[in-house]
PDB file of N, CA and C in Angstrom:
ATOM      1  N   GLN A   1     272.536 127.463 203.189  1.00  0.00           N
ATOM      2  CA  GLN A   1     273.634 126.530 203.108  1.00  0.00           C
ATOM      3  C   GLN A   1     273.101 125.106 203.081  1.00  0.00           C
ATOM      4  N   ALA A   2     274.008 124.148 202.852  1.00  0.00           N
ATOM      5  CA  ALA A   2     273.629 122.744 202.829  1.00  0.00           C
ATOM      6  C   ALA A   2     273.008 122.345 204.166  1.00  0.00           C
ATOM      7  N   GLN A   3     271.990 121.484 204.097  1.00  0.00           N
ATOM      8  CA  GLN A   3     271.273 121.115 205.307  1.00  0.00           C
ATOM      9  C   GLN A   3     270.730 119.697 205.200  1.00  0.00           C
ATOM     10  N   LEU A   4     270.807 118.959 206.313  1.00  0.00           N
ATOM     11  CA  LEU A   4     270.192 117.652 206.456  1.00  0.00           C
ATOM     12  C   LEU A   4     269.277 117.700 207.668  1.00  0.00           C
ATOM     13  N   VAL A   5     268.068 117.181 207.524  1.00  0.00           N
ATOM     14  CA  VAL A   5     267.097 117.185 208.610  1.00  0.00           C
ATOM     15  C   VAL A   5     266.564 115.778 208.800  1.00  0.00           C
ATOM     16  N   GLU A   6     266.827 115.192 209.974  1.00  0.00           N
ATOM     17  CA  GLU A   6     266.356 113.850 210.294  1.00  0.00           C
ATOM     18  C   GLU A   6     264.984 113.906 210.959  1.00  0.00           C
ATOM     19  N   SER A   7     264.243 112.821 210.809  1.00  0.00           N
ATOM     20  CA  SER A   7     262.969 112.667 211.488  1.00  0.00           C
ATOM     21  C   SER A   7     262.671 111.178 211.628  1.00  0.00           C
ATOM     22  N   GLY A   8     261.702 110.855 212.464  1.00  0.00           N
ATOM     23  CA  GLY A   8     261.253 109.483 212.604  1.00  0.00           C
ATOM     24  C   GLY A   8     261.653 108.786 213.884  1.00  0.00           C
ATOM     25  N   GLY A   9     262.476 109.426 214.700  1.00  0.00           N
ATOM     26  CA  GLY A   9     262.861 108.823 215.961  1.00  0.00           C
ATOM     27  C   GLY A   9     261.711 108.815 216.953  1.00  0.00           C
ATOM     28  N   GLY A  10     261.915 108.094 218.047  1.00  0.00           N
ATOM     29  CA  GLY A  10     260.895 108.020 219.070  1.00  0.00           C
ATOM     30  C   GLY A  10     261.125 106.857 219.998  1.00  0.00           C
ATOM     31  N   LEU A  11     260.096 106.524 220.765  1.00  0.00           N
ATOM     32  CA  LEU A  11     260.139 105.434 221.731  1.00  0.00           C
ATOM     33  C   LEU A  11     259.444 104.209 221.159  1.00  0.00           C
ATOM     34  N   VAL A  12     260.140 103.076 221.173  1.00  0.00           N
ATOM     35  CA  VAL A  12     259.569 101.815 220.716  1.00  0.00           C
ATOM     36  C   VAL A  12     259.935 100.711 221.697  1.00  0.00           C
ATOM     37  N   GLN A  13     259.121  99.663 221.715  1.00  0.00           N
ATOM     38  CA  GLN A  13     259.404  98.505 222.544  1.00  0.00           C
ATOM     39  C   GLN A  13     260.403  97.587 221.858  1.00  0.00           C
ATOM     40  N   PRO A  14     261.149  96.794 222.626  1.00  0.00           N
ATOM     41  CA  PRO A  14     262.030  95.810 222.006  1.00  0.00           C
ATOM     42  C   PRO A  14     261.269  94.941 221.012  1.00  0.00           C
ATOM     43  N   GLY A  15     261.882  94.705 219.862  1.00  0.00           N
ATOM     44  CA  GLY A  15     261.241  93.955 218.801  1.00  0.00           C
ATOM     45  C   GLY A  15     260.452  94.807 217.831  1.00  0.00           C
ATOM     46  N   GLY A  16     260.261  96.072 218.147  1.00  0.00           N
ATOM     47  CA  GLY A  16     259.515  96.970 217.291  1.00  0.00           C
ATOM     48  C   GLY A  16     260.345  97.512 216.144  1.00  0.00           C
ATOM     49  N   SER A  17     259.721  98.383 215.349  1.00  0.00           N
ATOM     50  CA  SER A  17     260.354  98.937 214.153  1.00  0.00           C
ATOM     51  C   SER A  17     260.189 100.443 214.096  1.00  0.00           C
ATOM     52  N   LEU A  18     261.141 101.089 213.445  1.00  0.00           N
ATOM     53  CA  LEU A  18     261.088 102.510 213.143  1.00  0.00           C
ATOM     54  C   LEU A  18     261.711 102.745 211.779  1.00  0.00           C
ATOM     55  N   ARG A  19     261.247 103.780 211.107  1.00  0.00           N
ATOM     56  CA  ARG A  19     261.888 104.227 209.880  1.00  0.00           C
ATOM     57  C   ARG A  19     262.357 105.665 210.064  1.00  0.00           C
ATOM     58  N   LEU A  20     263.653 105.870 209.931  1.00  0.00           N
ATOM     59  CA  LEU A  20     264.234 107.194 210.007  1.00  0.00           C
ATOM     60  C   LEU A  20     264.337 107.793 208.613  1.00  0.00           C
ATOM     61  N   SER A  21     264.093 109.091 208.521  1.00  0.00           N
ATOM     62  CA  SER A  21     264.186 109.806 207.258  1.00  0.00           C
ATOM     63  C   SER A  21     265.179 110.945 207.385  1.00  0.00           C
ATOM     64  N   CYS A  22     265.836 111.262 206.290  1.00  0.00           N
ATOM     65  CA  CYS A  22     266.777 112.372 206.232  1.00  0.00           C
ATOM     66  C   CYS A  22     266.541 113.114 204.931  1.00  0.00           C
ATOM     67  N   ALA A  23     266.117 114.356 205.033  1.00  0.00           N
ATOM     68  CA  ALA A  23     265.844 115.182 203.865  1.00  0.00           C
ATOM     69  C   ALA A  23     266.973 116.181 203.661  1.00  0.00           C
ATOM     70  N   ALA A  24     267.521 116.215 202.464  1.00  0.00           N
ATOM     71  CA  ALA A  24     268.633 117.101 202.136  1.00  0.00           C
ATOM     72  C   ALA A  24     268.142 118.294 201.329  1.00  0.00           C
ATOM     73  N   SER A  25     268.829 119.405 201.493  1.00  0.00           N
ATOM     74  CA  SER A  25     268.542 120.594 200.704  1.00  0.00           C
ATOM     75  C   SER A  25     269.835 121.328 200.398  1.00  0.00           C
ATOM     76  N   ARG A  26     269.848 122.001 199.276  1.00  0.00           N
ATOM     77  CA  ARG A  26     270.977 122.835 198.861  1.00  0.00           C
ATOM     78  C   ARG A  26     272.264 122.041 198.639  1.00  0.00           C
ATOM     79  N   ILE A  27     272.144 120.785 198.244  1.00  0.00           N
ATOM     80  CA  ILE A  27     273.286 119.998 197.813  1.00  0.00           C
ATOM     81  C   ILE A  27     272.908 119.221 196.557  1.00  0.00           C
ATOM     82  N   ALA A  28     273.930 118.853 195.783  1.00  0.00           N
ATOM     83  CA  ALA A  28     273.723 117.974 194.638  1.00  0.00           C
ATOM     84  C   ALA A  28     273.627 116.553 195.167  1.00  0.00           C
ATOM     85  N   PHE A  29     272.454 116.194 195.638  1.00  0.00           N
ATOM     86  CA  PHE A  29     272.254 114.980 196.428  1.00  0.00           C
ATOM     87  C   PHE A  29     272.793 113.727 195.742  1.00  0.00           C
ATOM     88  N   GLY A  30     272.589 113.607 194.449  1.00  0.00           N
ATOM     89  CA  GLY A  30     272.927 112.388 193.738  1.00  0.00           C
ATOM     90  C   GLY A  30     274.406 112.041 193.707  1.00  0.00           C
ATOM     91  N   ILE A  31     275.293 112.990 193.915  1.00  0.00           N
ATOM     92  CA  ILE A  31     276.726 112.727 193.875  1.00  0.00           C
ATOM     93  C   ILE A  31     277.319 112.543 195.264  1.00  0.00           C
ATOM     94  N   PHE A  32     276.510 112.626 196.298  1.00  0.00           N
ATOM     95  CA  PHE A  32     276.994 112.485 197.668  1.00  0.00           C
ATOM     96  C   PHE A  32     276.853 111.056 198.163  1.00  0.00           C
ATOM     97  N   ASP A  33     277.845 110.638 198.950  1.00  0.00           N
ATOM     98  CA  ASP A  33     277.727 109.413 199.718  1.00  0.00           C
ATOM     99  C   ASP A  33     276.915 109.725 200.974  1.00  0.00           C
ATOM    100  N   MET A  34     275.944 108.883 201.272  1.00  0.00           N
ATOM    101  CA  MET A  34     275.065 109.107 202.413  1.00  0.00           C
ATOM    102  C   MET A  34     275.275 108.026 203.462  1.00  0.00           C
ATOM    103  N   GLY A  35     275.065 108.393 204.715  1.00  0.00           N
ATOM    104  CA  GLY A  35     275.235 107.416 205.770  1.00  0.00           C
ATOM    105  C   GLY A  35     274.432 107.754 207.007  1.00  0.00           C
ATOM    106  N   TRP A  36     274.211 106.725 207.801  1.00  0.00           N
ATOM    107  CA  TRP A  36     273.588 106.876 209.110  1.00  0.00           C
ATOM    108  C   TRP A  36     274.587 106.478 210.183  1.00  0.00           C
ATOM    109  N   TYR A  37     274.720 107.318 211.186  1.00  0.00           N
ATOM    110  CA  TYR A  37     275.575 107.085 212.336  1.00  0.00           C
ATOM    111  C   TYR A  37     274.730 107.136 213.593  1.00  0.00           C
ATOM    112  N   ARG A  38     275.265 106.603 214.669  1.00  0.00           N
ATOM    113  CA  ARG A  38     274.575 106.719 215.947  1.00  0.00           C
ATOM    114  C   ARG A  38     275.593 106.922 217.063  1.00  0.00           C
ATOM    115  N   GLN A  39     275.128 107.556 218.116  1.00  0.00           N
ATOM    116  CA  GLN A  39     275.961 107.789 219.282  1.00  0.00           C
ATOM    117  C   GLN A  39     275.129 107.545 220.529  1.00  0.00           C
ATOM    118  N   ALA A  40     275.507 106.512 221.272  1.00  0.00           N
ATOM    119  CA  ALA A  40     274.858 106.200 222.530  1.00  0.00           C
ATOM    120  C   ALA A  40     275.549 106.954 223.656  1.00  0.00           C
ATOM    121  N   ALA A  41     274.858 107.094 224.771  1.00  0.00           N
ATOM    122  CA  ALA A  41     275.410 107.819 225.909  1.00  0.00           C
ATOM    123  C   ALA A  41     276.733 107.212 226.341  1.00  0.00           C
ATOM    124  N   GLY A  42     277.750 108.046 226.461  1.00  0.00           N
ATOM    125  CA  GLY A  42     279.051 107.601 226.915  1.00  0.00           C
ATOM    126  C   GLY A  42     279.886 106.867 225.889  1.00  0.00           C
ATOM    127  N   LYS A  43     279.429 106.805 224.645  1.00  0.00           N
ATOM    128  CA  LYS A  43     280.157 106.078 223.614  1.00  0.00           C
ATOM    129  C   LYS A  43     280.475 106.978 222.426  1.00  0.00           C
ATOM    130  N   GLN A  44     281.407 106.517 221.592  1.00  0.00           N
ATOM    131  CA  GLN A  44     281.776 107.247 220.390  1.00  0.00           C
ATOM    132  C   GLN A  44     280.720 107.083 219.306  1.00  0.00           C
ATOM    133  N   ARG A  45     280.672 108.056 218.424  1.00  0.00           N
ATOM    134  CA  ARG A  45     279.794 107.945 217.276  1.00  0.00           C
ATOM    135  C   ARG A  45     280.300 106.844 216.347  1.00  0.00           C
ATOM    136  N   GLU A  46     279.388 106.026 215.847  1.00  0.00           N
ATOM    137  CA  GLU A  46     279.765 104.914 214.998  1.00  0.00           C
ATOM    138  C   GLU A  46     278.875 104.853 213.772  1.00  0.00           C
ATOM    139  N   SER A  47     279.424 104.300 212.712  1.00  0.00           N
ATOM    140  CA  SER A  47     278.670 104.123 211.485  1.00  0.00           C
ATOM    141  C   SER A  47     277.703 102.957 211.631  1.00  0.00           C
ATOM    142  N   VAL A  48     276.474 103.152 211.175  1.00  0.00           N
ATOM    143  CA  VAL A  48     275.463 102.111 211.167  1.00  0.00           C
ATOM    144  C   VAL A  48     275.295 101.536 209.767  1.00  0.00           C
ATOM    145  N   ALA A  49     275.155 102.410 208.789  1.00  0.00           N
ATOM    146  CA  ALA A  49     274.971 101.994 207.406  1.00  0.00           C
ATOM    147  C   ALA A  49     275.385 103.126 206.486  1.00  0.00           C
ATOM    148  N   SER A  50     275.924 102.787 205.331  1.00  0.00           N
ATOM    149  CA  SER A  50     276.292 103.784 204.343  1.00  0.00           C
ATOM    150  C   SER A  50     275.819 103.349 202.969  1.00  0.00           C
ATOM    151  N   LEU A  51     275.504 104.328 202.143  1.00  0.00           N
ATOM    152  CA  LEU A  51     275.039 104.092 200.782  1.00  0.00           C
ATOM    153  C   LEU A  51     275.722 105.104 199.882  1.00  0.00           C
ATOM    154  N   GLY A  52     276.704 104.655 199.114  1.00  0.00           N
ATOM    155  CA  GLY A  52     277.458 105.540 198.254  1.00  0.00           C
ATOM    156  C   GLY A  52     276.668 105.993 197.043  1.00  0.00           C
ATOM    157  N   SER A  53     277.159 107.045 196.417  1.00  0.00           N
ATOM    158  CA  SER A  53     276.512 107.522 195.200  1.00  0.00           C
ATOM    159  C   SER A  53     276.533 106.474 194.095  1.00  0.00           C
ATOM    160  N   SER A  54     277.486 105.543 194.167  1.00  0.00           N
ATOM    161  CA  SER A  54     277.577 104.452 193.210  1.00  0.00           C
ATOM    162  C   SER A  54     276.576 103.339 193.479  1.00  0.00           C
ATOM    163  N   GLY A  55     275.943 103.355 194.647  1.00  0.00           N
ATOM    164  CA  GLY A  55     275.023 102.308 195.038  1.00  0.00           C
ATOM    165  C   GLY A  55     275.590 101.292 196.006  1.00  0.00           C
ATOM    166  N   LYS A  56     276.862 101.403 196.340  1.00  0.00           N
ATOM    167  CA  LYS A  56     277.485 100.465 197.270  1.00  0.00           C
ATOM    168  C   LYS A  56     276.940 100.667 198.677  1.00  0.00           C
ATOM    169  N   ILE A  57     276.575  99.566 199.329  1.00  0.00           N
ATOM    170  CA  ILE A  57     276.011  99.602 200.673  1.00  0.00           C
ATOM    171  C   ILE A  57     276.921  98.844 201.633  1.00  0.00           C
ATOM    172  N   ILE A  58     277.161  99.445 202.785  1.00  0.00           N
ATOM    173  CA  ILE A  58     277.926  98.806 203.844  1.00  0.00           C
ATOM    174  C   ILE A  58     277.140  98.933 205.139  1.00  0.00           C
ATOM    175  N   TYR A  59     276.965  97.809 205.841  1.00  0.00           N
ATOM    176  CA  TYR A  59     276.294  97.799 207.132  1.00  0.00           C
ATOM    177  C   TYR A  59     277.264  97.438 208.241  1.00  0.00           C
ATOM    178  N   ALA A  60     277.051  98.024 209.407  1.00  0.00           N
ATOM    179  CA  ALA A  60     277.726  97.529 210.590  1.00  0.00           C
ATOM    180  C   ALA A  60     277.239  96.115 210.880  1.00  0.00           C
ATOM    181  N   ASP A  61     278.095  95.294 211.485  1.00  0.00           N
ATOM    182  CA  ASP A  61     277.706  93.919 211.770  1.00  0.00           C
ATOM    183  C   ASP A  61     276.417  93.852 212.592  1.00  0.00           C
ATOM    184  N   SER A  62     276.255  94.772 213.515  1.00  0.00           N
ATOM    185  CA  SER A  62     275.081  94.771 214.370  1.00  0.00           C
ATOM    186  C   SER A  62     273.797  95.110 213.621  1.00  0.00           C
ATOM    187  N   ALA A  63     273.931  95.702 212.438  1.00  0.00           N
ATOM    188  CA  ALA A  63     272.769  96.121 211.660  1.00  0.00           C
ATOM    189  C   ALA A  63     272.357  95.113 210.597  1.00  0.00           C
ATOM    190  N   LYS A  64     273.258  94.239 210.206  1.00  0.00           N
ATOM    191  CA  LYS A  64     272.984  93.302 209.129  1.00  0.00           C
ATOM    192  C   LYS A  64     271.795  92.408 209.457  1.00  0.00           C
ATOM    193  N   GLY A  65     270.882  92.301 208.498  1.00  0.00           N
ATOM    194  CA  GLY A  65     269.718  91.456 208.673  1.00  0.00           C
ATOM    195  C   GLY A  65     268.561  92.114 209.366  1.00  0.00           C
ATOM    196  N   ARG A  66     268.765  93.266 209.966  1.00  0.00           N
ATOM    197  CA  ARG A  66     267.709  93.970 210.691  1.00  0.00           C
ATOM    198  C   ARG A  66     267.441  95.371 210.157  1.00  0.00           C
ATOM    199  N   PHE A  67     268.490  96.034 209.672  1.00  0.00           N
ATOM    200  CA  PHE A  67     268.369  97.410 209.193  1.00  0.00           C
ATOM    201  C   PHE A  67     268.549  97.449 207.680  1.00  0.00           C
ATOM    202  N   THR A  68     267.881  98.399 207.035  1.00  0.00           N
ATOM    203  CA  THR A  68     268.002  98.594 205.598  1.00  0.00           C
ATOM    204  C   THR A  68     268.141 100.078 205.290  1.00  0.00           C
ATOM    205  N   ILE A  69     269.153 100.430 204.509  1.00  0.00           N
ATOM    206  CA  ILE A  69     269.336 101.806 204.068  1.00  0.00           C
ATOM    207  C   ILE A  69     268.936 101.910 202.602  1.00  0.00           C
ATOM    208  N   PHE A  70     268.220 102.965 202.259  1.00  0.00           N
ATOM    209  CA  PHE A  70     267.871 103.197 200.868  1.00  0.00           C
ATOM    210  C   PHE A  70     267.693 104.691 200.651  1.00  0.00           C
ATOM    211  N   ARG A  71     267.758 105.107 199.396  1.00  0.00           N
ATOM    212  CA  ARG A  71     267.676 106.524 199.076  1.00  0.00           C
ATOM    213  C   ARG A  71     266.734 106.754 197.912  1.00  0.00           C
ATOM    214  N   ASP A  72     266.192 107.953 197.856  1.00  0.00           N
ATOM    215  CA  ASP A  72     265.343 108.396 196.766  1.00  0.00           C
ATOM    216  C   ASP A  72     265.941 109.705 196.268  1.00  0.00           C
ATOM    217  N   ASN A  73     266.682 109.640 195.172  1.00  0.00           N
ATOM    218  CA  ASN A  73     267.377 110.828 194.690  1.00  0.00           C
ATOM    219  C   ASN A  73     266.418 111.923 194.235  1.00  0.00           C
ATOM    220  N   ALA A  74     265.268 111.535 193.703  1.00  0.00           N
ATOM    221  CA  ALA A  74     264.291 112.524 193.267  1.00  0.00           C
ATOM    222  C   ALA A  74     263.779 113.350 194.440  1.00  0.00           C
ATOM    223  N   LYS A  75     263.655 112.716 195.605  1.00  0.00           N
ATOM    224  CA  LYS A  75     263.195 113.403 196.807  1.00  0.00           C
ATOM    225  C   LYS A  75     264.343 113.923 197.655  1.00  0.00           C
ATOM    226  N   LYS A  76     265.576 113.669 197.228  1.00  0.00           N
ATOM    227  CA  LYS A  76     266.768 114.070 197.976  1.00  0.00           C
ATOM    228  C   LYS A  76     266.680 113.604 199.424  1.00  0.00           C
ATOM    229  N   SER A  77     266.334 112.331 199.590  1.00  0.00           N
ATOM    230  CA  SER A  77     266.153 111.767 200.919  1.00  0.00           C
ATOM    231  C   SER A  77     266.828 110.410 201.016  1.00  0.00           C
ATOM    232  N   VAL A  78     267.284 110.095 202.231  1.00  0.00           N
ATOM    233  CA  VAL A  78     267.819 108.786 202.542  1.00  0.00           C
ATOM    234  C   VAL A  78     267.104 108.277 203.785  1.00  0.00           C
ATOM    235  N   TYR A  79     266.897 106.959 203.852  1.00  0.00           N
ATOM    236  CA  TYR A  79     266.085 106.366 204.895  1.00  0.00           C
ATOM    237  C   TYR A  79     266.834 105.225 205.563  1.00  0.00           C
ATOM    238  N   LEU A  80     266.469 104.958 206.801  1.00  0.00           N
ATOM    239  CA  LEU A  80     266.974 103.800 207.521  1.00  0.00           C
ATOM    240  C   LEU A  80     265.787 103.078 208.139  1.00  0.00           C
ATOM    241  N   GLN A  81     265.463 101.908 207.595  1.00  0.00           N
ATOM    242  CA  GLN A  81     264.412 101.066 208.146  1.00  0.00           C
ATOM    243  C   GLN A  81     265.030 100.167 209.205  1.00  0.00           C
ATOM    244  N   MET A  82     264.522 100.240 210.419  1.00  0.00           N
ATOM    245  CA  MET A  82     265.068  99.485 211.537  1.00  0.00           C
ATOM    246  C   MET A  82     263.999  98.535 212.062  1.00  0.00           C
ATOM    247  N   ASN A  83     264.287  97.249 212.011  1.00  0.00           N
ATOM    248  CA  ASN A  83     263.384  96.217 212.496  1.00  0.00           C
ATOM    249  C   ASN A  83     264.037  95.450 213.636  1.00  0.00           C
ATOM    250  N   SER A  84     263.222  94.751 214.395  1.00  0.00           N
ATOM    251  CA  SER A  84     263.707  93.924 215.508  1.00  0.00           C
ATOM    252  C   SER A  84     264.625  94.717 216.426  1.00  0.00           C
ATOM    253  N   LEU A  85     264.180  95.876 216.821  1.00  0.00           N
ATOM    254  CA  LEU A  85     265.010  96.774 217.617  1.00  0.00           C
ATOM    255  C   LEU A  85     265.292  96.203 219.001  1.00  0.00           C
ATOM    256  N   LYS A  86     266.484  96.502 219.488  1.00  0.00           N
ATOM    257  CA  LYS A  86     266.960  96.033 220.776  1.00  0.00           C
ATOM    258  C   LYS A  86     267.288  97.226 221.665  1.00  0.00           C
ATOM    259  N   PRO A  87     267.257  97.047 222.990  1.00  0.00           N
ATOM    260  CA  PRO A  87     267.598  98.161 223.881  1.00  0.00           C
ATOM    261  C   PRO A  87     268.961  98.766 223.581  1.00  0.00           C
ATOM    262  N   GLU A  88     269.931  97.959 223.164  1.00  0.00           N
ATOM    263  CA  GLU A  88     271.254  98.477 222.870  1.00  0.00           C
ATOM    264  C   GLU A  88     271.302  99.343 221.621  1.00  0.00           C
ATOM    265  N   ASN A  89     270.206  99.399 220.863  1.00  0.00           N
ATOM    266  CA  ASN A  89     270.122 100.294 219.716  1.00  0.00           C
ATOM    267  C   ASN A  89     269.743 101.718 220.120  1.00  0.00           C
ATOM    268  N   THR A  90     269.443 101.927 221.387  1.00  0.00           N
ATOM    269  CA  THR A  90     269.100 103.258 221.871  1.00  0.00           C
ATOM    270  C   THR A  90     270.269 104.211 221.648  1.00  0.00           C
ATOM    271  N   ALA A  91     270.017 105.309 220.963  1.00  0.00           N
ATOM    272  CA  ALA A  91     271.067 106.266 220.633  1.00  0.00           C
ATOM    273  C   ALA A  91     270.451 107.444 219.894  1.00  0.00           C
ATOM    274  N   VAL A  92     271.260 108.482 219.711  1.00  0.00           N
ATOM    275  CA  VAL A  92     270.913 109.549 218.792  1.00  0.00           C
ATOM    276  C   VAL A  92     271.452 109.158 217.424  1.00  0.00           C
ATOM    277  N   TYR A  93     270.596 109.176 216.430  1.00  0.00           N
ATOM    278  CA  TYR A  93     270.969 108.782 215.082  1.00  0.00           C
ATOM    279  C   TYR A  93     271.149 110.023 214.223  1.00  0.00           C
ATOM    280  N   PHE A  94     272.265 110.063 213.492  1.00  0.00           N
ATOM    281  CA  PHE A  94     272.631 111.208 212.672  1.00  0.00           C
ATOM    282  C   PHE A  94     272.721 110.820 211.200  1.00  0.00           C
ATOM    283  N   CYS A  95     272.273 111.705 210.354  1.00  0.00           N
ATOM    284  CA  CYS A  95     272.430 111.571 208.915  1.00  0.00           C
ATOM    285  C   CYS A  95     273.683 112.321 208.480  1.00  0.00           C
ATOM    286  N   ASN A  96     274.402 111.753 207.507  1.00  0.00           N
ATOM    287  CA  ASN A  96     275.642 112.345 207.028  1.00  0.00           C
ATOM    288  C   ASN A  96     275.688 112.320 205.508  1.00  0.00           C
ATOM    289  N   ALA A  97     276.189 113.397 204.933  1.00  0.00           N
ATOM    290  CA  ALA A  97     276.438 113.475 203.496  1.00  0.00           C
ATOM    291  C   ALA A  97     277.880 113.881 203.276  1.00  0.00           C
ATOM    292  N   LYS A  98     278.564 113.220 202.338  1.00  0.00           N
ATOM    293  CA  LYS A  98     279.987 113.462 202.135  1.00  0.00           C
ATOM    294  C   LYS A  98     280.312 113.454 200.652  1.00  0.00           C
ATOM    295  N   PHE A  99     281.192 114.387 200.264  1.00  0.00           N
ATOM    296  CA  PHE A  99     281.687 114.454 198.896  1.00  0.00           C
ATOM    297  C   PHE A  99     283.148 114.856 198.924  1.00  0.00           C
ATOM    298  N   SER A 100     284.010 114.072 198.283  1.00  0.00           N
ATOM    299  CA  SER A 100     285.446 114.348 198.242  1.00  0.00           C
ATOM    300  C   SER A 100     286.003 114.061 196.862  1.00  0.00           C
ATOM    301  N   PRO A 101     287.043 114.790 196.426  1.00  0.00           N
ATOM    302  CA  PRO A 101     287.501 116.067 196.989  1.00  0.00           C
ATOM    303  C   PRO A 101     286.618 117.222 196.521  1.00  0.00           C
ATOM    304  N   PRO A 102     286.613 118.301 197.233  1.00  0.00           N
ATOM    305  CA  PRO A 102     287.238 118.543 198.526  1.00  0.00           C
ATOM    306  C   PRO A 102     286.537 117.734 199.602  1.00  0.00           C
ATOM    307  N   ASN A 103     287.079 117.735 200.790  1.00  0.00           N
ATOM    308  CA  ASN A 103     286.514 116.977 201.900  1.00  0.00           C
ATOM    309  C   ASN A 103     285.348 117.757 202.498  1.00  0.00           C
ATOM    310  N   PHE A 104     284.233 117.730 201.788  1.00  0.00           N
ATOM    311  CA  PHE A 104     283.041 118.451 202.211  1.00  0.00           C
ATOM    312  C   PHE A 104     282.072 117.487 202.867  1.00  0.00           C
ATOM    313  N   GLU A 105     281.577 117.857 204.021  1.00  0.00           N
ATOM    314  CA  GLU A 105     280.729 116.966 204.808  1.00  0.00           C
ATOM    315  C   GLU A 105     279.643 117.767 205.511  1.00  0.00           C
ATOM    316  N   VAL A 106     278.450 117.192 205.562  1.00  0.00           N
ATOM    317  CA  VAL A 106     277.315 117.822 206.229  1.00  0.00           C
ATOM    318  C   VAL A 106     276.695 116.816 207.188  1.00  0.00           C
ATOM    319  N   TRP A 107     276.331 117.288 208.369  1.00  0.00           N
ATOM    320  CA  TRP A 107     275.671 116.460 209.381  1.00  0.00           C
ATOM    321  C   TRP A 107     274.295 117.015 209.705  1.00  0.00           C
ATOM    322  N   GLY A 108     273.362 116.121 209.962  1.00  0.00           N
ATOM    323  CA  GLY A 108     272.081 116.520 210.494  1.00  0.00           C
ATOM    324  C   GLY A 108     272.163 116.758 211.988  1.00  0.00           C
ATOM    325  N   GLN A 109     271.061 117.202 212.560  1.00  0.00           N
ATOM    326  CA  GLN A 109     271.047 117.539 213.985  1.00  0.00           C
ATOM    327  C   GLN A 109     270.846 116.328 214.886  1.00  0.00           C
ATOM    328  N   GLY A 110     270.410 115.220 214.325  1.00  0.00           N
ATOM    329  CA  GLY A 110     270.195 113.999 215.077  1.00  0.00           C
ATOM    330  C   GLY A 110     268.746 113.806 215.481  1.00  0.00           C
ATOM    331  N   THR A 111     268.351 112.542 215.600  1.00  0.00           N
ATOM    332  CA  THR A 111     267.022 112.186 216.089  1.00  0.00           C
ATOM    333  C   THR A 111     267.175 111.043 217.089  1.00  0.00           C
ATOM    334  N   LEU A 112     266.492 111.141 218.215  1.00  0.00           N
ATOM    335  CA  LEU A 112     266.667 110.187 219.304  1.00  0.00           C
ATOM    336  C   LEU A 112     265.781 108.964 219.106  1.00  0.00           C
ATOM    337  N   VAL A 113     266.407 107.797 219.211  1.00  0.00           N
ATOM    338  CA  VAL A 113     265.705 106.519 219.193  1.00  0.00           C
ATOM    339  C   VAL A 113     265.885 105.868 220.559  1.00  0.00           C
ATOM    340  N   THR A 114     264.775 105.554 221.218  1.00  0.00           N
ATOM    341  CA  THR A 114     264.806 104.906 222.516  1.00  0.00           C
ATOM    342  C   THR A 114     264.053 103.589 222.427  1.00  0.00           C
ATOM    343  N   VAL A 115     264.737 102.499 222.735  1.00  0.00           N
ATOM    344  CA  VAL A 115     264.143 101.166 222.700  1.00  0.00           C
ATOM    345  C   VAL A 115     264.041 100.677 224.134  1.00  0.00           C
ATOM    346  N   SER A 116     262.825 100.603 224.642  1.00  0.00           N
ATOM    347  CA  SER A 116     262.617 100.255 226.040  1.00  0.00           C
ATOM    348  C   SER A 116     261.207  99.738 226.249  1.00  0.00           C
ATOM    349  N   SER A 117     261.068  98.822 227.192  1.00  0.00           N
ATOM    350  CA  SER A 117     259.754  98.325 227.570  1.00  0.00           C
ATOM    351  C   SER A 117     259.196  99.080 228.759  1.00  0.00           C
TER     352      SER A 117
END
């Protein structure tokens, strides 16, 4: 079945950088809208960045200027480059793929990012 697998999370110091990767399989990757979400302890899951199949990019205000989303359709992968990380960025980050209609959606298992000194 359709699958998304995230990687690249870990422990970094404030001000550091990480690049998250999401590899897709068994989907027509090029027609899907892709996105990165995060969920911190005790909080709701929120959108961080999205990249539509058309190329449209939307960032959360907290991500603008620090995070970059990009995709490689040949590799069926989407990435999130995170720079100038802050402790409040600590969360589990999830990859998402969506295609409508029908309302078909796939989630990855998540990768933990911890920003701490």
